[in-house]
PDB file of N, CA and C in Angstrom:
ATOM      1  N   UNK A   1     123.557  84.230 169.410  1.00  0.00           N
ATOM      2  CA  UNK A   1     124.763  84.594 168.722  1.00  0.00           C
ATOM      3  C   UNK A   1     124.507  85.920 168.011  1.00  0.00           C
ATOM      4  N   UNK A   2     125.423  86.818 168.142  1.00  0.00           N
ATOM      5  CA  UNK A   2     125.267  88.120 167.503  1.00  0.00           C
ATOM      6  C   UNK A   2     126.208  88.230 166.313  1.00  0.00           C
ATOM      7  N   UNK A   3     125.738  88.952 165.326  1.00  0.00           N
ATOM      8  CA  UNK A   3     126.580  89.201 164.151  1.00  0.00           C
ATOM      9  C   UNK A   3     127.475  90.393 164.443  1.00  0.00           C
ATOM     10  N   UNK A   4     128.740  90.175 164.311  1.00  0.00           N
ATOM     11  CA  UNK A   4     129.648  91.296 164.500  1.00  0.00           C
ATOM     12  C   UNK A   4     129.995  91.855 163.123  1.00  0.00           C
ATOM     13  N   UNK A   5     129.923  93.137 163.017  1.00  0.00           N
ATOM     14  CA  UNK A   5     130.216  93.782 161.741  1.00  0.00           C
ATOM     15  C   UNK A   5     131.729  93.843 161.547  1.00  0.00           C
ATOM     16  N   UNK A   6     132.133  93.508 160.349  1.00  0.00           N
ATOM     17  CA  UNK A   6     133.541  93.609 160.023  1.00  0.00           C
ATOM     18  C   UNK A   6     133.834  95.048 159.617  1.00  0.00           C
ATOM     19  N   UNK A   7     134.968  95.555 160.031  1.00  0.00           N
ATOM     20  CA  UNK A   7     135.295  96.920 159.612  1.00  0.00           C
ATOM     21  C   UNK A   7     135.524  96.955 158.103  1.00  0.00           C
ATOM     22  N   UNK A   8     135.194  98.091 157.529  1.00  0.00           N
ATOM     23  CA  UNK A   8     135.401  98.259 156.086  1.00  0.00           C
ATOM     24  C   UNK A   8     136.890  98.153 155.788  1.00  0.00           C
ATOM     25  N   UNK A   9     137.228  97.532 154.661  1.00  0.00           N
ATOM     26  CA  UNK A   9     138.655  97.431 154.333  1.00  0.00           C
ATOM     27  C   UNK A   9     139.247  98.822 154.097  1.00  0.00           C
ATOM     28  N   UNK A  10     140.528  98.928 154.368  1.00  0.00           N
ATOM     29  CA  UNK A  10     141.209 100.210 154.182  1.00  0.00           C
ATOM     30  C   UNK A  10     141.152 100.596 152.710  1.00  0.00           C
ATOM     31  N   UNK A  11     140.714 101.794 152.452  1.00  0.00           N
ATOM     32  CA  UNK A  11     140.678 102.315 151.086  1.00  0.00           C
ATOM     33  C   UNK A  11     141.938 103.146 150.881  1.00  0.00           C
ATOM     34  N   UNK A  12     142.766 102.698 149.964  1.00  0.00           N
ATOM     35  CA  UNK A  12     144.027 103.391 149.731  1.00  0.00           C
ATOM     36  C   UNK A  12     143.762 104.819 149.269  1.00  0.00           C
ATOM     37  N   UNK A  13     144.558 105.731 149.784  1.00  0.00           N
ATOM     38  CA  UNK A  13     144.438 107.132 149.401  1.00  0.00           C
ATOM     39  C   UNK A  13     145.764 107.601 148.808  1.00  0.00           C
ATOM     40  N   UNK A  14     145.761 108.825 148.357  1.00  0.00           N
ATOM     41  CA  UNK A  14     146.964 109.417 147.792  1.00  0.00           C
ATOM     42  C   UNK A  14     148.096 109.444 148.820  1.00  0.00           C
ATOM     43  N   UNK A  15     147.735 109.611 150.076  1.00  0.00           N
ATOM     44  CA  UNK A  15     148.746 109.641 151.144  1.00  0.00           C
ATOM     45  C   UNK A  15     149.450 108.293 151.326  1.00  0.00           C
ATOM     46  N   UNK A  16     148.821 107.219 150.864  1.00  0.00           N
ATOM     47  CA  UNK A  16     149.421 105.891 151.002  1.00  0.00           C
ATOM     48  C   UNK A  16     150.496 105.618 149.955  1.00  0.00           C
ATOM     49  N   UNK A  17     150.541 106.431 148.908  1.00  0.00           N
ATOM     50  CA  UNK A  17     151.542 106.230 147.853  1.00  0.00           C
ATOM     51  C   UNK A  17     152.861 106.875 148.241  1.00  0.00           C
ATOM     52  N   UNK A  18     153.923 106.176 147.966  1.00  0.00           N
ATOM     53  CA  UNK A  18     155.258 106.722 148.181  1.00  0.00           C
ATOM     54  C   UNK A  18     155.583 107.630 147.000  1.00  0.00           C
ATOM     55  N   UNK A  19     155.784 108.923 147.232  1.00  0.00           N
ATOM     56  CA  UNK A  19     156.070 109.844 146.130  1.00  0.00           C
ATOM     57  C   UNK A  19     157.286 109.451 145.302  1.00  0.00           C
ATOM     58  N   UNK A  20     158.242 108.783 145.928  1.00  0.00           N
ATOM     59  CA  UNK A  20     159.456 108.382 145.213  1.00  0.00           C
ATOM     60  C   UNK A  20     159.195 107.268 144.201  1.00  0.00           C
ATOM     61  N   UNK A  21     158.187 106.445 144.471  1.00  0.00           N
ATOM     62  CA  UNK A  21     157.921 105.329 143.565  1.00  0.00           C
ATOM     63  C   UNK A  21     156.598 105.495 142.805  1.00  0.00           C
ATOM     64  N   UNK A  22     155.959 106.644 142.954  1.00  0.00           N
ATOM     65  CA  UNK A  22     154.689 106.874 142.271  1.00  0.00           C
ATOM     66  C   UNK A  22     154.917 106.984 140.765  1.00  0.00           C
ATOM     67  N   UNK A  23     154.019 106.357 140.021  1.00  0.00           N
ATOM     68  CA  UNK A  23     154.056 106.439 138.569  1.00  0.00           C
ATOM     69  C   UNK A  23     152.656 106.796 138.079  1.00  0.00           C
ATOM     70  N   UNK A  24     152.582 107.204 136.837  1.00  0.00           N
ATOM     71  CA  UNK A  24     151.271 107.512 136.256  1.00  0.00           C
ATOM     72  C   UNK A  24     150.371 106.290 136.319  1.00  0.00           C
ATOM     73  N   UNK A  25     150.908 105.121 136.002  1.00  0.00           N
ATOM     74  CA  UNK A  25     150.093 103.907 136.029  1.00  0.00           C
ATOM     75  C   UNK A  25     149.583 103.589 137.431  1.00  0.00           C
ATOM     76  N   UNK A  26     150.386 103.806 138.445  1.00  0.00           N
ATOM     77  CA  UNK A  26     149.936 103.572 139.826  1.00  0.00           C
ATOM     78  C   UNK A  26     148.842 104.570 140.212  1.00  0.00           C
ATOM     79  N   UNK A  27     148.994 105.817 139.771  1.00  0.00           N
ATOM     80  CA  UNK A  27     147.964 106.818 140.060  1.00  0.00           C
ATOM     81  C   UNK A  27     146.663 106.470 139.352  1.00  0.00           C
ATOM     82  N   UNK A  28     146.758 106.025 138.106  1.00  0.00           N
ATOM     83  CA  UNK A  28     145.556 105.632 137.373  1.00  0.00           C
ATOM     84  C   UNK A  28     144.896 104.440 138.063  1.00  0.00           C
ATOM     85  N   UNK A  29     145.674 103.492 138.538  1.00  0.00           N
ATOM     86  CA  UNK A  29     145.114 102.350 139.272  1.00  0.00           C
ATOM     87  C   UNK A  29     144.384 102.822 140.526  1.00  0.00           C
ATOM     88  N   UNK A  30     144.949 103.801 141.209  1.00  0.00           N
ATOM     89  CA  UNK A  30     144.299 104.345 142.403  1.00  0.00           C
ATOM     90  C   UNK A  30     142.984 105.030 142.027  1.00  0.00           C
ATOM     91  N   UNK A  31     143.023 105.812 140.962  1.00  0.00           N
ATOM     92  CA  UNK A  31     141.802 106.472 140.480  1.00  0.00           C
ATOM     93  C   UNK A  31     140.736 105.429 140.160  1.00  0.00           C
ATOM     94  N   UNK A  32     141.129 104.369 139.467  1.00  0.00           N
ATOM     95  CA  UNK A  32     140.171 103.319 139.090  1.00  0.00           C
ATOM     96  C   UNK A  32     139.582 102.645 140.315  1.00  0.00           C
ATOM     97  N   UNK A  33     140.396 102.458 141.345  1.00  0.00           N
ATOM     98  CA  UNK A  33     139.855 101.847 142.566  1.00  0.00           C
ATOM     99  C   UNK A  33     138.858 102.780 143.244  1.00  0.00           C
ATOM    100  N   UNK A  34     139.069 104.075 143.124  1.00  0.00           N
ATOM    101  CA  UNK A  34     138.138 105.040 143.700  1.00  0.00           C
ATOM    102  C   UNK A  34     136.857 105.139 142.873  1.00  0.00           C
ATOM    103  N   UNK A  35     136.942 104.861 141.575  1.00  0.00           N
ATOM    104  CA  UNK A  35     135.780 104.950 140.676  1.00  0.00           C
ATOM    105  C   UNK A  35     135.035 103.632 140.543  1.00  0.00           C
ATOM    106  N   UNK A  36     135.461 102.630 141.255  1.00  0.00           N
ATOM    107  CA  UNK A  36     134.869 101.301 141.114  1.00  0.00           C
ATOM    108  C   UNK A  36     133.350 101.372 141.257  1.00  0.00           C
ATOM    109  N   UNK A  37     132.668 100.790 140.261  1.00  0.00           N
ATOM    110  CA  UNK A  37     131.204 100.762 140.287  1.00  0.00           C
ATOM    111  C   UNK A  37     130.552 101.969 139.651  1.00  0.00           C
ATOM    112  N   UNK A  38     131.314 102.974 139.297  1.00  0.00           N
ATOM    113  CA  UNK A  38     130.756 104.165 138.653  1.00  0.00           C
ATOM    114  C   UNK A  38     130.833 104.015 137.140  1.00  0.00           C
ATOM    115  N   UNK A  39     129.859 104.586 136.457  1.00  0.00           N
ATOM    116  CA  UNK A  39     129.892 104.615 135.005  1.00  0.00           C
ATOM    117  C   UNK A  39     130.805 105.734 134.539  1.00  0.00           C
ATOM    118  N   UNK A  40     131.477 105.497 133.430  1.00  0.00           N
ATOM    119  CA  UNK A  40     132.301 106.545 132.841  1.00  0.00           C
ATOM    120  C   UNK A  40     131.397 107.502 132.073  1.00  0.00           C
ATOM    121  N   UNK A  41     131.786 108.766 132.020  1.00  0.00           N
ATOM    122  CA  UNK A  41     130.960 109.726 131.287  1.00  0.00           C
ATOM    123  C   UNK A  41     130.978 109.431 129.789  1.00  0.00           C
ATOM    124  N   UNK A  42     129.949 109.903 129.112  1.00  0.00           N
ATOM    125  CA  UNK A  42     129.895 109.746 127.659  1.00  0.00           C
ATOM    126  C   UNK A  42     130.955 110.649 127.032  1.00  0.00           C
ATOM    127  N   UNK A  43     131.342 110.357 125.781  1.00  0.00           N
ATOM    128  CA  UNK A  43     132.303 111.236 125.104  1.00  0.00           C
ATOM    129  C   UNK A  43     131.824 112.687 125.047  1.00  0.00           C
ATOM    130  N   UNK A  44     130.543 112.870 124.855  1.00  0.00           N
ATOM    131  CA  UNK A  44     129.991 114.227 124.799  1.00  0.00           C
ATOM    132  C   UNK A  44     130.137 114.935 126.136  1.00  0.00           C
ATOM    133  N   UNK A  45     129.853 114.207 127.218  1.00  0.00           N
ATOM    134  CA  UNK A  45     129.979 114.789 128.559  1.00  0.00           C
ATOM    135  C   UNK A  45     131.438 115.093 128.879  1.00  0.00           C
ATOM    136  N   UNK A  46     132.336 114.192 128.472  1.00  0.00           N
ATOM    137  CA  UNK A  46     133.769 114.439 128.690  1.00  0.00           C
ATOM    138  C   UNK A  46     134.209 115.731 128.020  1.00  0.00           C
ATOM    139  N   UNK A  47     133.835 115.871 126.763  1.00  0.00           N
ATOM    140  CA  UNK A  47     134.226 117.056 126.009  1.00  0.00           C
ATOM    141  C   UNK A  47     133.587 118.313 126.589  1.00  0.00           C
ATOM    142  N   UNK A  48     132.334 118.229 126.958  1.00  0.00           N
ATOM    143  CA  UNK A  48     131.640 119.386 127.521  1.00  0.00           C
ATOM    144  C   UNK A  48     132.230 119.814 128.857  1.00  0.00           C
ATOM    145  N   UNK A  49     132.666 118.845 129.664  1.00  0.00           N
ATOM    146  CA  UNK A  49     133.184 119.158 130.995  1.00  0.00           C
ATOM    147  C   UNK A  49     134.683 119.425 131.033  1.00  0.00           C
ATOM    148  N   UNK A  50     135.385 119.143 129.947  1.00  0.00           N
ATOM    149  CA  UNK A  50     136.840 119.302 129.944  1.00  0.00           C
ATOM    150  C   UNK A  50     137.283 120.719 130.319  1.00  0.00           C
ATOM    151  N   UNK A  51     136.693 121.780 129.748  1.00  0.00           N
ATOM    152  CA  UNK A  51     137.121 123.121 130.172  1.00  0.00           C
ATOM    153  C   UNK A  51     136.882 123.386 131.656  1.00  0.00           C
ATOM    154  N   UNK A  52     135.789 122.883 132.185  1.00  0.00           N
ATOM    155  CA  UNK A  52     135.480 123.075 133.609  1.00  0.00           C
ATOM    156  C   UNK A  52     136.516 122.370 134.470  1.00  0.00           C
ATOM    157  N   UNK A  53     136.843 121.129 134.099  1.00  0.00           N
ATOM    158  CA  UNK A  53     137.812 120.340 134.866  1.00  0.00           C
ATOM    159  C   UNK A  53     139.198 120.980 134.800  1.00  0.00           C
ATOM    160  N   UNK A  54     139.593 121.424 133.618  1.00  0.00           N
ATOM    161  CA  UNK A  54     140.917 122.048 133.475  1.00  0.00           C
ATOM    162  C   UNK A  54     140.987 123.379 134.221  1.00  0.00           C
ATOM    163  N   UNK A  55     139.907 124.148 134.211  1.00  0.00           N
ATOM    164  CA  UNK A  55     139.885 125.405 134.986  1.00  0.00           C
ATOM    165  C   UNK A  55     139.997 125.123 136.486  1.00  0.00           C
ATOM    166  N   UNK A  56     139.295 124.090 136.942  1.00  0.00           N
ATOM    167  CA  UNK A  56     139.364 123.725 138.362  1.00  0.00           C
ATOM    168  C   UNK A  56     140.779 123.303 138.725  1.00  0.00           C
ATOM    169  N   UNK A  57     141.424 122.543 137.846  1.00  0.00           N
ATOM    170  CA  UNK A  57     142.804 122.130 138.097  1.00  0.00           C
ATOM    171  C   UNK A  57     143.724 123.346 138.147  1.00  0.00           C
ATOM    172  N   UNK A  58     143.554 124.251 137.212  1.00  0.00           N
ATOM    173  CA  UNK A  58     144.370 125.465 137.190  1.00  0.00           C
ATOM    174  C   UNK A  58     144.164 126.280 138.472  1.00  0.00           C
ATOM    175  N   UNK A  59     142.917 126.455 138.879  1.00  0.00           N
ATOM    176  CA  UNK A  59     142.630 127.190 140.120  1.00  0.00           C
ATOM    177  C   UNK A  59     143.250 126.493 141.319  1.00  0.00           C
ATOM    178  N   UNK A  60     143.199 125.170 141.321  1.00  0.00           N
ATOM    179  CA  UNK A  60     143.771 124.393 142.424  1.00  0.00           C
ATOM    180  C   UNK A  60     145.283 124.653 142.520  1.00  0.00           C
ATOM    181  N   UNK A  61     145.929 124.687 141.372  1.00  0.00           N
ATOM    182  CA  UNK A  61     147.379 124.941 141.348  1.00  0.00           C
ATOM    183  C   UNK A  61     147.671 126.374 141.788  1.00  0.00           C
ATOM    184  N   UNK A  62     146.885 127.312 141.315  1.00  0.00           N
ATOM    185  CA  UNK A  62     147.142 128.727 141.608  1.00  0.00           C
ATOM    186  C   UNK A  62     146.860 129.122 143.052  1.00  0.00           C
ATOM    187  N   UNK A  63     146.029 128.363 143.745  1.00  0.00           N
ATOM    188  CA  UNK A  63     145.710 128.717 145.129  1.00  0.00           C
ATOM    189  C   UNK A  63     146.846 128.395 146.089  1.00  0.00           C
ATOM    190  N   UNK A  64     147.808 127.597 145.638  1.00  0.00           N
ATOM    191  CA  UNK A  64     148.995 127.377 146.451  1.00  0.00           C
ATOM    192  C   UNK A  64     149.132 126.047 147.149  1.00  0.00           C
ATOM    193  N   UNK A  65     148.057 125.435 147.687  1.00  0.00           N
ATOM    194  CA  UNK A  65     148.280 124.216 148.468  1.00  0.00           C
ATOM    195  C   UNK A  65     148.492 122.957 147.629  1.00  0.00           C
ATOM    196  N   UNK A  66     148.387 123.061 146.325  1.00  0.00           N
ATOM    197  CA  UNK A  66     148.519 121.870 145.473  1.00  0.00           C
ATOM    198  C   UNK A  66     149.947 121.345 145.511  1.00  0.00           C
ATOM    199  N   UNK A  67     150.053 120.040 145.649  1.00  0.00           N
ATOM    200  CA  UNK A  67     151.358 119.389 145.571  1.00  0.00           C
ATOM    201  C   UNK A  67     151.469 118.733 144.195  1.00  0.00           C
ATOM    202  N   UNK A  68     152.653 118.315 143.857  1.00  0.00           N
ATOM    203  CA  UNK A  68     152.841 117.607 142.589  1.00  0.00           C
ATOM    204  C   UNK A  68     151.973 116.352 142.554  1.00  0.00           C
ATOM    205  N   UNK A  69     151.848 115.652 143.676  1.00  0.00           N
ATOM    206  CA  UNK A  69     151.014 114.443 143.729  1.00  0.00           C
ATOM    207  C   UNK A  69     149.541 114.783 143.523  1.00  0.00           C
ATOM    208  N   UNK A  70     149.080 115.901 144.111  1.00  0.00           N
ATOM    209  CA  UNK A  70     147.693 116.330 143.910  1.00  0.00           C
ATOM    210  C   UNK A  70     147.406 116.545 142.427  1.00  0.00           C
ATOM    211  N   UNK A  71     148.283 117.280 141.778  1.00  0.00           N
ATOM    212  CA  UNK A  71     148.101 117.596 140.362  1.00  0.00           C
ATOM    213  C   UNK A  71     148.198 116.324 139.524  1.00  0.00           C
ATOM    214  N   UNK A  72     149.163 115.477 139.818  1.00  0.00           N
ATOM    215  CA  UNK A  72     149.332 114.229 139.073  1.00  0.00           C
ATOM    216  C   UNK A  72     148.100 113.338 139.236  1.00  0.00           C
ATOM    217  N   UNK A  73     147.523 113.285 140.433  1.00  0.00           N
ATOM    218  CA  UNK A  73     146.320 112.479 140.660  1.00  0.00           C
ATOM    219  C   UNK A  73     145.165 112.995 139.811  1.00  0.00           C
ATOM    220  N   UNK A  74     145.002 114.305 139.781  1.00  0.00           N
ATOM    221  CA  UNK A  74     143.912 114.891 138.993  1.00  0.00           C
ATOM    222  C   UNK A  74     144.114 114.650 137.494  1.00  0.00           C
ATOM    223  N   UNK A  75     145.359 114.723 137.049  1.00  0.00           N
ATOM    224  CA  UNK A  75     145.642 114.413 135.643  1.00  0.00           C
ATOM    225  C   UNK A  75     145.397 112.933 135.364  1.00  0.00           C
ATOM    226  N   UNK A  76     145.772 112.064 136.294  1.00  0.00           N
ATOM    227  CA  UNK A  76     145.520 110.628 136.143  1.00  0.00           C
ATOM    228  C   UNK A  76     144.019 110.354 136.064  1.00  0.00           C
ATOM    229  N   UNK A  77     143.235 111.128 136.800  1.00  0.00           N
ATOM    230  CA  UNK A  77     141.788 110.982 136.756  1.00  0.00           C
ATOM    231  C   UNK A  77     141.251 111.325 135.372  1.00  0.00           C
ATOM    232  N   UNK A  78     141.791 112.383 134.776  1.00  0.00           N
ATOM    233  CA  UNK A  78     141.399 112.743 133.410  1.00  0.00           C
ATOM    234  C   UNK A  78     141.794 111.640 132.422  1.00  0.00           C
ATOM    235  N   UNK A  79     143.017 111.146 132.552  1.00  0.00           N
ATOM    236  CA  UNK A  79     143.490 110.081 131.670  1.00  0.00           C
ATOM    237  C   UNK A  79     142.576 108.863 131.792  1.00  0.00           C
ATOM    238  N   UNK A  80     142.239 108.493 133.020  1.00  0.00           N
ATOM    239  CA  UNK A  80     141.379 107.329 133.236  1.00  0.00           C
ATOM    240  C   UNK A  80     140.005 107.536 132.618  1.00  0.00           C
ATOM    241  N   UNK A  81     139.442 108.733 132.762  1.00  0.00           N
ATOM    242  CA  UNK A  81     138.120 109.004 132.191  1.00  0.00           C
ATOM    243  C   UNK A  81     138.155 108.857 130.678  1.00  0.00           C
ATOM    244  N   UNK A  82     139.208 109.350 130.056  1.00  0.00           N
ATOM    245  CA  UNK A  82     139.334 109.258 128.602  1.00  0.00           C
ATOM    246  C   UNK A  82     139.580 107.814 128.181  1.00  0.00           C
ATOM    247  N   UNK A  83     140.495 107.140 128.856  1.00  0.00           N
ATOM    248  CA  UNK A  83     140.781 105.737 128.519  1.00  0.00           C
ATOM    249  C   UNK A  83     139.576 104.839 128.799  1.00  0.00           C
ATOM    250  N   UNK A  84     138.862 105.130 129.859  1.00  0.00           N
ATOM    251  CA  UNK A  84     137.678 104.337 130.204  1.00  0.00           C
ATOM    252  C   UNK A  84     136.603 104.435 129.150  1.00  0.00           C
ATOM    253  N   UNK A  85     136.544 105.561 128.496  1.00  0.00           N
ATOM    254  CA  UNK A  85     135.589 105.784 127.421  1.00  0.00           C
ATOM    255  C   UNK A  85     136.046 105.140 126.129  1.00  0.00           C
ATOM    256  N   UNK A  86     137.320 104.878 125.996  1.00  0.00           N
ATOM    257  CA  UNK A  86     137.842 104.321 124.759  1.00  0.00           C
ATOM    258  C   UNK A  86     137.821 102.798 124.749  1.00  0.00           C
ATOM    259  N   UNK A  87     137.224 102.218 125.765  1.00  0.00           N
ATOM    260  CA  UNK A  87     137.128 100.756 125.797  1.00  0.00           C
ATOM    261  C   UNK A  87     136.364 100.301 124.566  1.00  0.00           C
ATOM    262  N   UNK A  88     136.811  99.241 123.939  1.00  0.00           N
ATOM    263  CA  UNK A  88     136.144  98.804 122.716  1.00  0.00           C
ATOM    264  C   UNK A  88     134.685  98.439 122.966  1.00  0.00           C
ATOM    265  N   UNK A  89     133.861  98.802 122.013  1.00  0.00           N
ATOM    266  CA  UNK A  89     132.439  98.472 122.107  1.00  0.00           C
ATOM    267  C   UNK A  89     132.265  96.975 121.914  1.00  0.00           C
ATOM    268  N   UNK A  90     131.250  96.408 122.530  1.00  0.00           N
ATOM    269  CA  UNK A  90     131.025  94.971 122.335  1.00  0.00           C
ATOM    270  C   UNK A  90     130.713  94.697 120.864  1.00  0.00           C
ATOM    271  N   UNK A  91     131.152  93.552 120.357  1.00  0.00           N
ATOM    272  CA  UNK A  91     130.928  93.261 118.943  1.00  0.00           C
ATOM    273  C   UNK A  91     129.435  93.122 118.652  1.00  0.00           C
ATOM    274  N   UNK A  92     129.040  93.587 117.487  1.00  0.00           N
ATOM    275  CA  UNK A  92     127.641  93.453 117.075  1.00  0.00           C
ATOM    276  C   UNK A  92     127.403  92.046 116.561  1.00  0.00           C
ATOM    277  N   UNK A  93     126.275  91.520 116.887  1.00  0.00           N
ATOM    278  CA  UNK A  93     125.930  90.199 116.396  1.00  0.00           C
ATOM    279  C   UNK A  93     125.067  90.355 115.153  1.00  0.00           C
ATOM    280  N   UNK A  94     125.444  89.688 114.119  1.00  0.00           N
ATOM    281  CA  UNK A  94     124.696  89.733 112.873  1.00  0.00           C
ATOM    282  C   UNK A  94     123.715  88.570 112.852  1.00  0.00           C
ATOM    283  N   UNK A  95     122.474  88.882 112.673  1.00  0.00           N
ATOM    284  CA  UNK A  95     121.466  87.837 112.563  1.00  0.00           C
ATOM    285  C   UNK A  95     121.138  87.635 111.097  1.00  0.00           C
ATOM    286  N   UNK A  96     121.115  86.406 110.658  1.00  0.00           N
ATOM    287  CA  UNK A  96     120.829  86.109 109.246  1.00  0.00           C
ATOM    288  C   UNK A  96     119.444  85.577 109.103  1.00  0.00           C
TER     289      UNK A  96
END
């Protein structure tokens, strides 16, 4: 008996979203599915990289091929990174 490999499940992409029904929350959900298993950057790294990320976004828009969905996805990625970092810290246990 041979083991047959199952094909990888379809990974939803930006092209799978209907632009008419796309929302910020749906884009953030898509970003989160793409980031699954990755650690979120530290607050220091977020702040340090923010100018680089915003410059890249600006360049992407200025080069012409950017669509509204492209820009919205990139903004959703920023929102997710910030929100992911704001997750409450686990409670400290007090030992007596």
